[in-house]
Amino acid sequence: MKFSPEVRERAVRLVFEQRGQHESQWAAVVSIAGKIGATPQTLLNWVRQHERDTGQREGVTTAEAARVKELEREVRELRRANEILKLASAFFAQAELDRRLKS
């Protein structure tokens, strides 16, 4: 099931707001996850990501992960273009060699 960003944000906010009403963060997560139809682990992942994004926890932020993904895509495109250029270069070098041999 796909949750909208609004539902995710609200669920994470509820975990932080209701933390004091439960014996642990996990208990708050389990309670709220049941109410929104998510698994506790899914909600816990959202909470952990929010903590990373806000500097409360070590790790890769959402923005950093998006940047890495974009850079990986760019590297793939550049490698593809480089391969095409290598093949074209070899083709034209062979054509020049053939031309010289014929004259």
PDB file of N, CA and C in Angstrom:
ATOM      1  N   MET A   1       0.841  -1.176   0.000  1.00  0.00           N
ATOM      2  CA  MET A   1       0.000   0.000   0.000  1.00  0.00           C
ATOM      3  C   MET A   1       0.892   1.247   0.000  1.00  0.00           C
ATOM      4  N   LYS A   2       0.552   2.200  -0.823  1.00  0.00           N
ATOM      5  CA  LYS A   2       1.306   3.444  -0.943  1.00  0.00           C
ATOM      6  C   LYS A   2       0.625   4.518  -0.100  1.00  0.00           C
ATOM      7  N   PHE A   3       1.410   5.173   0.735  1.00  0.00           N
ATOM      8  CA  PHE A   3       0.884   6.231   1.588  1.00  0.00           C
ATOM      9  C   PHE A   3       1.316   7.582   1.048  1.00  0.00           C
ATOM     10  N   SER A   4       0.427   8.553   1.131  1.00  0.00           N
ATOM     11  CA  SER A   4       0.756   9.898   0.661  1.00  0.00           C
ATOM     12  C   SER A   4       1.784  10.521   1.605  1.00  0.00           C
ATOM     13  N   PRO A   5       2.542  11.489   1.099  1.00  0.00           N
ATOM     14  CA  PRO A   5       3.508  12.175   1.976  1.00  0.00           C
ATOM     15  C   PRO A   5       2.829  12.810   3.195  1.00  0.00           C
ATOM     16  N   GLU A   6       1.597  13.296   3.010  1.00  0.00           N
ATOM     17  CA  GLU A   6       0.880  13.915   4.125  1.00  0.00           C
ATOM     18  C   GLU A   6       0.593  12.910   5.233  1.00  0.00           C
ATOM     19  N   VAL A   7       0.161  11.700   4.843  1.00  0.00           N
ATOM     20  CA  VAL A   7      -0.133  10.653   5.836  1.00  0.00           C
ATOM     21  C   VAL A   7       1.149  10.251   6.548  1.00  0.00           C
ATOM     22  N   ARG A   8       2.228  10.118   5.794  1.00  0.00           N
ATOM     23  CA  ARG A   8       3.513   9.750   6.399  1.00  0.00           C
ATOM     24  C   ARG A   8       3.952  10.801   7.409  1.00  0.00           C
ATOM     25  N   GLU A   9       3.890  12.075   7.013  1.00  0.00           N
ATOM     26  CA  GLU A   9       4.310  13.163   7.906  1.00  0.00           C
ATOM     27  C   GLU A   9       3.460  13.192   9.165  1.00  0.00           C
ATOM     28  N   ARG A  10       2.157  13.039   8.986  1.00  0.00           N
ATOM     29  CA  ARG A  10       1.252  13.083  10.145  1.00  0.00           C
ATOM     30  C   ARG A  10       1.529  11.913  11.084  1.00  0.00           C
ATOM     31  N   ALA A  11       1.733  10.730  10.538  1.00  0.00           N
ATOM     32  CA  ALA A  11       1.997   9.550  11.366  1.00  0.00           C
ATOM     33  C   ALA A  11       3.300   9.733  12.152  1.00  0.00           C
ATOM     34  N   VAL A  12       4.329  10.241  11.494  1.00  0.00           N
ATOM     35  CA  VAL A  12       5.608  10.468  12.177  1.00  0.00           C
ATOM     36  C   VAL A  12       5.431  11.515  13.280  1.00  0.00           C
ATOM     37  N   ARG A  13       4.716  12.583  12.963  1.00  0.00           N
ATOM     38  CA  ARG A  13       4.468  13.632  13.965  1.00  0.00           C
ATOM     39  C   ARG A  13       3.724  13.054  15.176  1.00  0.00           C
ATOM     40  N   LEU A  14       2.740  12.188  14.907  1.00  0.00           N
ATOM     41  CA  LEU A  14       1.988  11.568  16.003  1.00  0.00           C
ATOM     42  C   LEU A  14       2.886  10.718  16.900  1.00  0.00           C
ATOM     43  N   VAL A  15       3.842  10.018  16.295  1.00  0.00           N
ATOM     44  CA  VAL A  15       4.759   9.196  17.098  1.00  0.00           C
ATOM     45  C   VAL A  15       5.504  10.085  18.088  1.00  0.00           C
ATOM     46  N   PHE A  16       6.008  11.227  17.615  1.00  0.00           N
ATOM     47  CA  PHE A  16       6.746  12.127  18.506  1.00  0.00           C
ATOM     48  C   PHE A  16       5.824  12.779  19.538  1.00  0.00           C
ATOM     49  N   GLU A  17       4.617  13.145  19.109  1.00  0.00           N
ATOM     50  CA  GLU A  17       3.672  13.795  20.027  1.00  0.00           C
ATOM     51  C   GLU A  17       3.170  12.838  21.100  1.00  0.00           C
ATOM     52  N   GLN A  18       2.968  11.574  20.744  1.00  0.00           N
ATOM     53  CA  GLN A  18       2.371  10.610  21.680  1.00  0.00           C
ATOM     54  C   GLN A  18       3.404   9.739  22.387  1.00  0.00           C
ATOM     55  N   ARG A  19       4.665  10.001  22.152  1.00  0.00           N
ATOM     56  CA  ARG A  19       5.731   9.196  22.765  1.00  0.00           C
ATOM     57  C   ARG A  19       5.578   9.124  24.291  1.00  0.00           C
ATOM     58  N   GLY A  20       5.230  10.244  24.903  1.00  0.00           N
ATOM     59  CA  GLY A  20       5.093  10.287  26.360  1.00  0.00           C
ATOM     60  C   GLY A  20       3.917   9.494  26.895  1.00  0.00           C
ATOM     61  N   GLN A  21       2.970   9.177  26.055  1.00  0.00           N
ATOM     62  CA  GLN A  21       1.785   8.427  26.481  1.00  0.00           C
ATOM     63  C   GLN A  21       1.986   6.911  26.386  1.00  0.00           C
ATOM     64  N   HIS A  22       3.158   6.495  25.921  1.00  0.00           N
ATOM     65  CA  HIS A  22       3.466   5.063  25.762  1.00  0.00           C
ATOM     66  C   HIS A  22       4.759   4.756  26.502  1.00  0.00           C
ATOM     67  N   GLU A  23       4.965   3.472  26.816  1.00  0.00           N
ATOM     68  CA  GLU A  23       6.166   3.102  27.571  1.00  0.00           C
ATOM     69  C   GLU A  23       7.446   3.187  26.737  1.00  0.00           C
ATOM     70  N   SER A  24       7.303   3.213  25.407  1.00  0.00           N
ATOM     71  CA  SER A  24       8.481   3.329  24.540  1.00  0.00           C
ATOM     72  C   SER A  24       8.065   3.901  23.189  1.00  0.00           C
ATOM     73  N   GLN A  25       9.067   4.280  22.425  1.00  0.00           N
ATOM     74  CA  GLN A  25       8.774   4.771  21.071  1.00  0.00           C
ATOM     75  C   GLN A  25       8.145   3.651  20.249  1.00  0.00           C
ATOM     76  N   TRP A  26       8.640   2.445  20.425  1.00  0.00           N
ATOM     77  CA  TRP A  26       8.093   1.307  19.677  1.00  0.00           C
ATOM     78  C   TRP A  26       6.613   1.116  19.985  1.00  0.00           C
ATOM     79  N   ALA A  27       6.217   1.251  21.248  1.00  0.00           N
ATOM     80  CA  ALA A  27       4.806   1.104  21.619  1.00  0.00           C
ATOM     81  C   ALA A  27       3.965   2.178  20.926  1.00  0.00           C
ATOM     82  N   ALA A  28       4.490   3.398  20.845  1.00  0.00           N
ATOM     83  CA  ALA A  28       3.783   4.470  20.138  1.00  0.00           C
ATOM     84  C   ALA A  28       3.672   4.130  18.656  1.00  0.00           C
ATOM     85  N   VAL A  29       4.740   3.620  18.086  1.00  0.00           N
ATOM     86  CA  VAL A  29       4.747   3.245  16.669  1.00  0.00           C
ATOM     87  C   VAL A  29       3.704   2.169  16.397  1.00  0.00           C
ATOM     88  N   VAL A  30       3.673   1.133  17.225  1.00  0.00           N
ATOM     89  CA  VAL A  30       2.720   0.030  17.041  1.00  0.00           C
ATOM     90  C   VAL A  30       1.282   0.559  17.111  1.00  0.00           C
ATOM     91  N   SER A  31       1.015   1.412  18.076  1.00  0.00           N
ATOM     92  CA  SER A  31      -0.329   1.958  18.253  1.00  0.00           C
ATOM     93  C   SER A  31      -0.759   2.788  17.038  1.00  0.00           C
ATOM     94  N   ILE A  32       0.102   3.674  16.593  1.00  0.00           N
ATOM     95  CA  ILE A  32      -0.244   4.570  15.478  1.00  0.00           C
ATOM     96  C   ILE A  32      -0.280   3.817  14.158  1.00  0.00           C
ATOM     97  N   ALA A  33       0.636   2.885  13.956  1.00  0.00           N
ATOM     98  CA  ALA A  33       0.657   2.103  12.715  1.00  0.00           C
ATOM     99  C   ALA A  33      -0.665   1.376  12.519  1.00  0.00           C
ATOM    100  N   GLY A  34      -1.200   0.803  13.594  1.00  0.00           N
ATOM    101  CA  GLY A  34      -2.475   0.110  13.509  1.00  0.00           C
ATOM    102  C   GLY A  34      -3.612   1.028  13.093  1.00  0.00           C
ATOM    103  N   LYS A  35      -3.545   2.264  13.526  1.00  0.00           N
ATOM    104  CA  LYS A  35      -4.616   3.218  13.211  1.00  0.00           C
ATOM    105  C   LYS A  35      -4.577   3.698  11.763  1.00  0.00           C
ATOM    106  N   ILE A  36      -3.387   3.730  11.152  1.00  0.00           N
ATOM    107  CA  ILE A  36      -3.301   4.223   9.763  1.00  0.00           C
ATOM    108  C   ILE A  36      -3.227   3.083   8.744  1.00  0.00           C
ATOM    109  N   GLY A  37      -3.155   1.845   9.230  1.00  0.00           N
ATOM    110  CA  GLY A  37      -3.123   0.702   8.318  1.00  0.00           C
ATOM    111  C   GLY A  37      -1.736   0.394   7.770  1.00  0.00           C
ATOM    112  N   ALA A  38      -0.715   0.822   8.493  1.00  0.00           N
ATOM    113  CA  ALA A  38       0.667   0.523   8.089  1.00  0.00           C
ATOM    114  C   ALA A  38       1.231  -0.528   9.031  1.00  0.00           C
ATOM    115  N   THR A  39       2.300  -1.182   8.612  1.00  0.00           N
ATOM    116  CA  THR A  39       2.959  -2.094   9.536  1.00  0.00           C
ATOM    117  C   THR A  39       3.824  -1.255  10.476  1.00  0.00           C
ATOM    118  N   PRO A  40       4.027  -1.733  11.692  1.00  0.00           N
ATOM    119  CA  PRO A  40       4.878  -0.993  12.616  1.00  0.00           C
ATOM    120  C   PRO A  40       6.285  -0.747  12.056  1.00  0.00           C
ATOM    121  N   GLN A  41       6.839  -1.723  11.364  1.00  0.00           N
ATOM    122  CA  GLN A  41       8.188  -1.560  10.819  1.00  0.00           C
ATOM    123  C   GLN A  41       8.228  -0.450   9.775  1.00  0.00           C
ATOM    124  N   THR A  42       7.194  -0.347   8.959  1.00  0.00           N
ATOM    125  CA  THR A  42       7.128   0.727   7.959  1.00  0.00           C
ATOM    126  C   THR A  42       7.129   2.081   8.646  1.00  0.00           C
ATOM    127  N   LEU A  43       6.283   2.232   9.653  1.00  0.00           N
ATOM    128  CA  LEU A  43       6.219   3.500  10.368  1.00  0.00           C
ATOM    129  C   LEU A  43       7.536   3.787  11.087  1.00  0.00           C
ATOM    130  N   LEU A  44       8.137   2.766  11.659  1.00  0.00           N
ATOM    131  CA  LEU A  44       9.430   2.958  12.325  1.00  0.00           C
ATOM    132  C   LEU A  44      10.485   3.426  11.324  1.00  0.00           C
ATOM    133  N   ASN A  45      10.458   2.880  10.107  1.00  0.00           N
ATOM    134  CA  ASN A  45      11.392   3.326   9.071  1.00  0.00           C
ATOM    135  C   ASN A  45      11.190   4.805   8.761  1.00  0.00           C
ATOM    136  N   TRP A  46       9.933   5.243   8.685  1.00  0.00           N
ATOM    137  CA  TRP A  46       9.635   6.659   8.425  1.00  0.00           C
ATOM    138  C   TRP A  46      10.159   7.525   9.569  1.00  0.00           C
ATOM    139  N   VAL A  47       9.962   7.054  10.806  1.00  0.00           N
ATOM    140  CA  VAL A  47      10.428   7.805  11.975  1.00  0.00           C
ATOM    141  C   VAL A  47      11.946   7.912  11.940  1.00  0.00           C
ATOM    142  N   ARG A  48      12.630   6.807  11.668  1.00  0.00           N
ATOM    143  CA  ARG A  48      14.099   6.811  11.619  1.00  0.00           C
ATOM    144  C   ARG A  48      14.597   7.752  10.514  1.00  0.00           C
ATOM    145  N   GLN A  49      13.936   7.738   9.356  1.00  0.00           N
ATOM    146  CA  GLN A  49      14.342   8.629   8.268  1.00  0.00           C
ATOM    147  C   GLN A  49      14.135  10.083   8.662  1.00  0.00           C
ATOM    148  N   HIS A  50      13.017  10.369   9.332  1.00  0.00           N
ATOM    149  CA  HIS A  50      12.769  11.732   9.814  1.00  0.00           C
ATOM    150  C   HIS A  50      13.873  12.157  10.793  1.00  0.00           C
ATOM    151  N   GLU A  51      14.267  11.244  11.654  1.00  0.00           N
ATOM    152  CA  GLU A  51      15.337  11.545  12.612  1.00  0.00           C
ATOM    153  C   GLU A  51      16.655  11.840  11.894  1.00  0.00           C
ATOM    154  N   ARG A  52      16.944  11.085  10.827  1.00  0.00           N
ATOM    155  CA  ARG A  52      18.166  11.354  10.041  1.00  0.00           C
ATOM    156  C   ARG A  52      18.060  12.703   9.339  1.00  0.00           C
ATOM    157  N   ASP A  53      16.885  12.970   8.758  1.00  0.00           N
ATOM    158  CA  ASP A  53      16.684  14.220   8.011  1.00  0.00           C
ATOM    159  C   ASP A  53      16.782  15.452   8.902  1.00  0.00           C
ATOM    160  N   THR A  54      16.436  15.301  10.170  1.00  0.00           N
ATOM    161  CA  THR A  54      16.456  16.443  11.088  1.00  0.00           C
ATOM    162  C   THR A  54      17.703  16.470  11.970  1.00  0.00           C
ATOM    163  N   GLY A  55      18.661  15.580  11.695  1.00  0.00           N
ATOM    164  CA  GLY A  55      19.917  15.587  12.436  1.00  0.00           C
ATOM    165  C   GLY A  55      19.861  14.943  13.805  1.00  0.00           C
ATOM    166  N   GLN A  56      18.777  14.257  14.125  1.00  0.00           N
ATOM    167  CA  GLN A  56      18.654  13.598  15.429  1.00  0.00           C
ATOM    168  C   GLN A  56      19.318  12.227  15.431  1.00  0.00           C
ATOM    169  N   ARG A  57      19.642  11.728  14.245  1.00  0.00           N
ATOM    170  CA  ARG A  57      20.207  10.378  14.104  1.00  0.00           C
ATOM    171  C   ARG A  57      21.245  10.427  12.989  1.00  0.00           C
ATOM    172  N   GLU A  58      22.315   9.658  13.159  1.00  0.00           N
ATOM    173  CA  GLU A  58      23.341   9.548  12.123  1.00  0.00           C
ATOM    174  C   GLU A  58      22.794   8.805  10.910  1.00  0.00           C
ATOM    175  N   GLY A  59      23.288   9.149   9.739  1.00  0.00           N
ATOM    176  CA  GLY A  59      22.902   8.405   8.547  1.00  0.00           C
ATOM    177  C   GLY A  59      22.626   9.316   7.367  1.00  0.00           C
ATOM    178  N   VAL A  60      22.265   8.691   6.276  1.00  0.00           N
ATOM    179  CA  VAL A  60      22.030   9.394   5.016  1.00  0.00           C
ATOM    180  C   VAL A  60      20.655  10.042   5.023  1.00  0.00           C
ATOM    181  N   THR A  61      20.617  11.341   4.740  1.00  0.00           N
ATOM    182  CA  THR A  61      19.334  12.044   4.694  1.00  0.00           C
ATOM    183  C   THR A  61      18.634  11.754   3.371  1.00  0.00           C
ATOM    184  N   THR A  62      17.370  12.088   3.313  1.00  0.00           N
ATOM    185  CA  THR A  62      16.593  11.909   2.085  1.00  0.00           C
ATOM    186  C   THR A  62      17.208  12.714   0.946  1.00  0.00           C
ATOM    187  N   ALA A  63      17.624  13.942   1.233  1.00  0.00           N
ATOM    188  CA  ALA A  63      18.231  14.791   0.203  1.00  0.00           C
ATOM    189  C   ALA A  63      19.540  14.195  -0.306  1.00  0.00           C
ATOM    190  N   GLU A  64      20.349  13.677   0.606  1.00  0.00           N
ATOM    191  CA  GLU A  64      21.613  13.059   0.197  1.00  0.00           C
ATOM    192  C   GLU A  64      21.367  11.810  -0.653  1.00  0.00           C
ATOM    193  N   ALA A  65      20.398  11.006  -0.261  1.00  0.00           N
ATOM    194  CA  ALA A  65      20.078   9.796  -1.024  1.00  0.00           C
ATOM    195  C   ALA A  65      19.591  10.159  -2.425  1.00  0.00           C
ATOM    196  N   ALA A  66      18.781  11.213  -2.532  1.00  0.00           N
ATOM    197  CA  ALA A  66      18.293  11.654  -3.845  1.00  0.00           C
ATOM    198  C   ALA A  66      19.451  12.149  -4.702  1.00  0.00           C
ATOM    199  N   ARG A  67      20.385  12.866  -4.089  1.00  0.00           N
ATOM    200  CA  ARG A  67      21.550  13.378  -4.828  1.00  0.00           C
ATOM    201  C   ARG A  67      22.422  12.227  -5.328  1.00  0.00           C
ATOM    202  N   VAL A  68      22.642  11.240  -4.490  1.00  0.00           N
ATOM    203  CA  VAL A  68      23.433  10.069  -4.893  1.00  0.00           C
ATOM    204  C   VAL A  68      22.756   9.359  -6.062  1.00  0.00           C
ATOM    205  N   LYS A  69      21.442   9.188  -5.977  1.00  0.00           N
ATOM    206  CA  LYS A  69      20.695   8.528  -7.048  1.00  0.00           C
ATOM    207  C   LYS A  69      20.835   9.301  -8.358  1.00  0.00           C
ATOM    208  N   GLU A  70      20.726  10.632  -8.286  1.00  0.00           N
ATOM    209  CA  GLU A  70      20.874  11.482  -9.468  1.00  0.00           C
ATOM    210  C   GLU A  70      22.289  11.369 -10.054  1.00  0.00           C
ATOM    211  N   LEU A  71      23.288  11.374  -9.185  1.00  0.00           N
ATOM    212  CA  LEU A  71      24.671  11.254  -9.657  1.00  0.00           C
ATOM    213  C   LEU A  71      24.931   9.885 -10.286  1.00  0.00           C
ATOM    214  N   GLU A  72      24.359   8.833  -9.721  1.00  0.00           N
ATOM    215  CA  GLU A  72      24.515   7.493 -10.292  1.00  0.00           C
ATOM    216  C   GLU A  72      23.879   7.427 -11.681  1.00  0.00           C
ATOM    217  N   ARG A  73      22.709   8.073 -11.842  1.00  0.00           N
ATOM    218  CA  ARG A  73      22.056   8.119 -13.149  1.00  0.00           C
ATOM    219  C   ARG A  73      22.936   8.867 -14.149  1.00  0.00           C
ATOM    220  N   GLU A  74      23.497   9.977 -13.709  1.00  0.00           N
ATOM    221  CA  GLU A  74      24.358  10.773 -14.577  1.00  0.00           C
ATOM    222  C   GLU A  74      25.601   9.988 -14.989  1.00  0.00           C
ATOM    223  N   VAL A  75      26.190   9.245 -14.061  1.00  0.00           N
ATOM    224  CA  VAL A  75      27.364   8.422 -14.370  1.00  0.00           C
ATOM    225  C   VAL A  75      27.004   7.360 -15.411  1.00  0.00           C
ATOM    226  N   ARG A  76      25.834   6.722 -15.256  1.00  0.00           N
ATOM    227  CA  ARG A  76      25.406   5.721 -16.246  1.00  0.00           C
ATOM    228  C   ARG A  76      25.286   6.338 -17.629  1.00  0.00           C
ATOM    229  N   GLU A  77      24.676   7.528 -17.710  1.00  0.00           N
ATOM    230  CA  GLU A  77      24.511   8.207 -19.004  1.00  0.00           C
ATOM    231  C   GLU A  77      25.865   8.572 -19.603  1.00  0.00           C
ATOM    232  N   LEU A  78      26.773   9.062 -18.774  1.00  0.00           N
ATOM    233  CA  LEU A  78      28.096   9.442 -19.275  1.00  0.00           C
ATOM    234  C   LEU A  78      28.891   8.218 -19.741  1.00  0.00           C
ATOM    235  N   ARG A  79      28.765   7.122 -19.024  1.00  0.00           N
ATOM    236  CA  ARG A  79      29.453   5.890 -19.451  1.00  0.00           C
ATOM    237  C   ARG A  79      28.906   5.403 -20.791  1.00  0.00           C
ATOM    238  N   ARG A  80      27.575   5.492 -20.946  1.00  0.00           N
ATOM    239  CA  ARG A  80      26.949   5.100 -22.206  1.00  0.00           C
ATOM    240  C   ARG A  80      27.454   5.990 -23.348  1.00  0.00           C
ATOM    241  N   ALA A  81      27.476   7.295 -23.112  1.00  0.00           N
ATOM    242  CA  ALA A  81      27.954   8.235 -24.128  1.00  0.00           C
ATOM    243  C   ALA A  81      29.419   7.990 -24.439  1.00  0.00           C
ATOM    244  N   ASN A  82      30.216   7.717 -23.430  1.00  0.00           N
ATOM    245  CA  ASN A  82      31.642   7.442 -23.626  1.00  0.00           C
ATOM    246  C   ASN A  82      31.838   6.185 -24.474  1.00  0.00           C
ATOM    247  N   GLU A  83      31.029   5.177 -24.225  1.00  0.00           N
ATOM    248  CA  GLU A  83      31.126   3.935 -25.006  1.00  0.00           C
ATOM    249  C   GLU A  83      30.793   4.194 -26.477  1.00  0.00           C
ATOM    250  N   ILE A  84      29.766   5.004 -26.722  1.00  0.00           N
ATOM    251  CA  ILE A  84      29.392   5.358 -28.094  1.00  0.00           C
ATOM    252  C   ILE A  84      30.536   6.113 -28.767  1.00  0.00           C
ATOM    253  N   LEU A  85      31.135   7.049 -28.045  1.00  0.00           N
ATOM    254  CA  LEU A  85      32.259   7.816 -28.605  1.00  0.00           C
ATOM    255  C   LEU A  85      33.462   6.927 -28.897  1.00  0.00           C
ATOM    256  N   LYS A  86      33.740   5.953 -28.031  1.00  0.00           N
ATOM    257  CA  LYS A  86      34.847   5.017 -28.282  1.00  0.00           C
ATOM    258  C   LYS A  86      34.590   4.221 -29.549  1.00  0.00           C
ATOM    259  N   LEU A  87      33.356   3.724 -29.705  1.00  0.00           N
ATOM    260  CA  LEU A  87      33.026   2.939 -30.903  1.00  0.00           C
ATOM    261  C   LEU A  87      33.113   3.800 -32.160  1.00  0.00           C
ATOM    262  N   ALA A  88      32.613   5.025 -32.076  1.00  0.00           N
ATOM    263  CA  ALA A  88      32.675   5.928 -33.230  1.00  0.00           C
ATOM    264  C   ALA A  88      34.118   6.250 -33.579  1.00  0.00           C
ATOM    265  N   SER A  89      34.935   6.490 -32.586  1.00  0.00           N
ATOM    266  CA  SER A  89      36.344   6.795 -32.801  1.00  0.00           C
ATOM    267  C   SER A  89      37.049   5.620 -33.491  1.00  0.00           C
ATOM    268  N   ALA A  90      36.786   4.419 -33.013  1.00  0.00           N
ATOM    269  CA  ALA A  90      37.395   3.230 -33.617  1.00  0.00           C
ATOM    270  C   ALA A  90      36.915   3.063 -35.054  1.00  0.00           C
ATOM    271  N   PHE A  91      35.635   3.320 -35.300  1.00  0.00           N
ATOM    272  CA  PHE A  91      35.085   3.206 -36.643  1.00  0.00           C
ATOM    273  C   PHE A  91      35.774   4.180 -37.588  1.00  0.00           C
ATOM    274  N   PHE A  92      35.872   5.455 -37.179  1.00  0.00           N
ATOM    275  CA  PHE A  92      36.480   6.455 -38.042  1.00  0.00           C
ATOM    276  C   PHE A  92      37.983   6.242 -38.206  1.00  0.00           C
ATOM    277  N   ALA A  93      38.648   5.748 -37.177  1.00  0.00           N
ATOM    278  CA  ALA A  93      40.076   5.442 -37.287  1.00  0.00           C
ATOM    279  C   ALA A  93      40.290   4.328 -38.319  1.00  0.00           C
ATOM    280  N   GLN A  94      39.428   3.314 -38.281  1.00  0.00           N
ATOM    281  CA  GLN A  94      39.528   2.209 -39.251  1.00  0.00           C
ATOM    282  C   GLN A  94      39.227   2.709 -40.658  1.00  0.00           C
ATOM    283  N   ALA A  95      38.227   3.584 -40.799  1.00  0.00           N
ATOM    284  CA  ALA A  95      37.897   4.144 -42.115  1.00  0.00           C
ATOM    285  C   ALA A  95      39.060   4.960 -42.661  1.00  0.00           C
ATOM    286  N   GLU A  96      39.729   5.729 -41.815  1.00  0.00           N
ATOM    287  CA  GLU A  96      40.894   6.526 -42.247  1.00  0.00           C
ATOM    288  C   GLU A  96      42.033   5.606 -42.659  1.00  0.00           C
ATOM    289  N   LEU A  97      42.243   4.543 -41.921  1.00  0.00           N
ATOM    290  CA  LEU A  97      43.293   3.588 -42.239  1.00  0.00           C
ATOM    291  C   LEU A  97      43.004   2.936 -43.590  1.00  0.00           C
ATOM    292  N   ASP A  98      41.754   2.520 -43.803  1.00  0.00           N
ATOM    293  CA  ASP A  98      41.355   1.917 -45.079  1.00  0.00           C
ATOM    294  C   ASP A  98      41.556   2.898 -46.240  1.00  0.00           C
ATOM    295  N   ARG A  99      41.208   4.159 -46.015  1.00  0.00           N
ATOM    296  CA  ARG A  99      41.351   5.184 -47.051  1.00  0.00           C
ATOM    297  C   ARG A  99      42.822   5.357 -47.429  1.00  0.00           C
ATOM    298  N   ARG A 100      43.694   5.385 -46.432  1.00  0.00           N
ATOM    299  CA  ARG A 100      45.124   5.557 -46.689  1.00  0.00           C
ATOM    300  C   ARG A 100      45.724   4.366 -47.427  1.00  0.00           C
ATOM    301  N   LEU A 101      45.245   3.164 -47.072  1.00  0.00           N
ATOM    302  CA  LEU A 101      45.770   1.973 -47.724  1.00  0.00           C
ATOM    303  C   LEU A 101      45.361   1.900 -49.193  1.00  0.00           C
ATOM    304  N   LYS A 102      44.181   2.442 -49.524  1.00  0.00           N
ATOM    305  CA  LYS A 102      43.686   2.401 -50.904  1.00  0.00           C
ATOM    306  C   LYS A 102      44.373   3.433 -51.783  1.00  0.00           C
ATOM    307  N   SER A 103      44.915   4.502 -51.194  1.00  0.00           N
ATOM    308  CA  SER A 103      45.535   5.541 -52.038  1.00  0.00           C
ATOM    309  C   SER A 103      47.009   5.354 -52.230  1.00  0.00           C
TER     310      SER A 103
END
